[in-house]
Amino acid sequence: MRRCLVIGFALAALCGATTLAYARPPTVMSSPGYDRRLQESRSQLGSSPTVTEPVTAPVVKPKRTKKKQPN
């Protein structure tokens, strides 16, 4: 009797966990206006030439260390 009860609870927990995996918040949905603006901005980025300057390495100053006193 107890074994059937444990198996039943395990199955119920498994089914409950799998239904939560498909849940989405209400803000996640496709928006035609957003998709259109995104496509327009991507097309503008693709048509404009991009010029990048090479990055120069920063000049590193040597560390100052304390001089040890002779014994």
C-alpha atoms as a PDB file:
ATOM      1  CA  MET A   1       0.000   0.000   0.000  1.00  0.00           C
ATOM      2  CA  ARG A   2       2.746   2.412   0.964  1.00  0.00           C
ATOM      3  CA  ARG A   3       4.766   1.569  -2.149  1.00  0.00           C
ATOM      4  CA  CYS A   4       1.824   2.484  -4.419  1.00  0.00           C
ATOM      5  CA  LEU A   5       1.397   5.759  -2.556  1.00  0.00           C
ATOM      6  CA  VAL A   6       5.082   6.656  -3.005  1.00  0.00           C
ATOM      7  CA  ILE A   7       4.966   5.737  -6.701  1.00  0.00           C
ATOM      8  CA  GLY A   8       1.835   7.865  -7.127  1.00  0.00           C
ATOM      9  CA  PHE A   9       3.475  10.881  -5.509  1.00  0.00           C
ATOM     10  CA  ALA A  10       6.593  10.395  -7.617  1.00  0.00           C
ATOM     11  CA  LEU A  11       4.544  10.276 -10.818  1.00  0.00           C
ATOM     12  CA  ALA A  12       2.569  13.348  -9.791  1.00  0.00           C
ATOM     13  CA  ALA A  13       5.788  15.251  -9.056  1.00  0.00           C
ATOM     14  CA  LEU A  14       7.270  14.168 -12.384  1.00  0.00           C
ATOM     15  CA  CYS A  15       4.199  15.295 -14.317  1.00  0.00           C
ATOM     16  CA  GLY A  16       4.137  18.590 -12.445  1.00  0.00           C
ATOM     17  CA  ALA A  17       7.806  19.248 -13.155  1.00  0.00           C
ATOM     18  CA  THR A  18       7.434  18.598 -16.884  1.00  0.00           C
ATOM     19  CA  THR A  19       4.485  20.992 -17.226  1.00  0.00           C
ATOM     20  CA  LEU A  20       6.519  23.780 -15.604  1.00  0.00           C
ATOM     21  CA  ALA A  21       9.231  23.417 -18.229  1.00  0.00           C
ATOM     22  CA  TYR A  22       6.918  24.763 -20.935  1.00  0.00           C
ATOM     23  CA  ALA A  23       5.724  27.792 -18.950  1.00  0.00           C
ATOM     24  CA  ARG A  24       6.627  31.230 -20.347  1.00  0.00           C
ATOM     25  CA  PRO A  25       6.175  34.654 -18.823  1.00  0.00           C
ATOM     26  CA  PRO A  26       3.509  36.773 -20.533  1.00  0.00           C
ATOM     27  CA  THR A  27       6.134  39.225 -21.802  1.00  0.00           C
ATOM     28  CA  VAL A  28       7.725  36.594 -24.060  1.00  0.00           C
ATOM     29  CA  MET A  29       5.842  36.770 -27.339  1.00  0.00           C
ATOM     30  CA  SER A  30       6.577  37.773 -30.867  1.00  0.00           C
ATOM     31  CA  SER A  31       5.851  41.381 -31.743  1.00  0.00           C
ATOM     32  CA  PRO A  32       5.585  42.301 -35.430  1.00  0.00           C
ATOM     33  CA  GLY A  33       6.617  45.925 -34.784  1.00  0.00           C
ATOM     34  CA  TYR A  34       9.714  44.896 -32.857  1.00  0.00           C
ATOM     35  CA  ASP A  35      10.678  42.337 -35.495  1.00  0.00           C
ATOM     36  CA  ARG A  36      10.298  44.949 -38.261  1.00  0.00           C
ATOM     37  CA  ARG A  37      12.460  47.515 -36.425  1.00  0.00           C
ATOM     38  CA  LEU A  38      15.051  44.850 -35.712  1.00  0.00           C
ATOM     39  CA  GLN A  39      15.240  43.881 -39.377  1.00  0.00           C
ATOM     40  CA  GLU A  40      15.536  47.539 -40.418  1.00  0.00           C
ATOM     41  CA  SER A  41      18.360  48.203 -37.981  1.00  0.00           C
ATOM     42  CA  ARG A  42      20.211  45.079 -39.098  1.00  0.00           C
ATOM     43  CA  SER A  43      19.868  46.045 -42.744  1.00  0.00           C
ATOM     44  CA  GLN A  44      21.236  49.527 -41.969  1.00  0.00           C
ATOM     45  CA  LEU A  45      24.182  48.006 -40.133  1.00  0.00           C
ATOM     46  CA  GLY A  46      24.926  45.701 -43.062  1.00  0.00           C
ATOM     47  CA  SER A  47      24.948  48.506 -45.641  1.00  0.00           C
ATOM     48  CA  SER A  48      27.137  50.940 -43.682  1.00  0.00           C
ATOM     49  CA  PRO A  49      30.910  50.488 -43.872  1.00  0.00           C
ATOM     50  CA  THR A  50      32.532  50.117 -40.491  1.00  0.00           C
ATOM     51  CA  VAL A  51      36.022  51.427 -39.810  1.00  0.00           C
ATOM     52  CA  THR A  52      37.835  50.188 -36.758  1.00  0.00           C
ATOM     53  CA  GLU A  53      41.118  51.536 -35.490  1.00  0.00           C
ATOM     54  CA  PRO A  54      43.726  49.154 -34.136  1.00  0.00           C
ATOM     55  CA  VAL A  55      43.923  49.107 -30.384  1.00  0.00           C
ATOM     56  CA  THR A  56      47.269  50.143 -28.961  1.00  0.00           C
ATOM     57  CA  ALA A  57      48.497  48.439 -25.831  1.00  0.00           C
ATOM     58  CA  PRO A  58      48.600  50.713 -22.769  1.00  0.00           C
ATOM     59  CA  VAL A  59      52.010  51.702 -21.491  1.00  0.00           C
ATOM     60  CA  VAL A  60      52.809  49.830 -18.298  1.00  0.00           C
ATOM     61  CA  LYS A  61      54.910  51.624 -15.719  1.00  0.00           C
ATOM     62  CA  PRO A  62      57.382  49.494 -13.742  1.00  0.00           C
ATOM     63  CA  LYS A  63      56.398  48.772 -10.163  1.00  0.00           C
ATOM     64  CA  ARG A  64      58.302  50.451  -7.379  1.00  0.00           C
ATOM     65  CA  THR A  65      59.573  48.047  -4.782  1.00  0.00           C
ATOM     66  CA  LYS A  66      60.940  48.694  -1.348  1.00  0.00           C
ATOM     67  CA  LYS A  67      64.646  48.314  -0.988  1.00  0.00           C
ATOM     68  CA  LYS A  68      65.678  45.837   1.667  1.00  0.00           C
ATOM     69  CA  GLN A  69      67.962  47.134   4.390  1.00  0.00           C
ATOM     70  CA  PRO A  70      71.287  45.299   4.593  1.00  0.00           C
ATOM     71  CA  ASN A  71      71.811  43.446   7.893  1.00  0.00           C
END
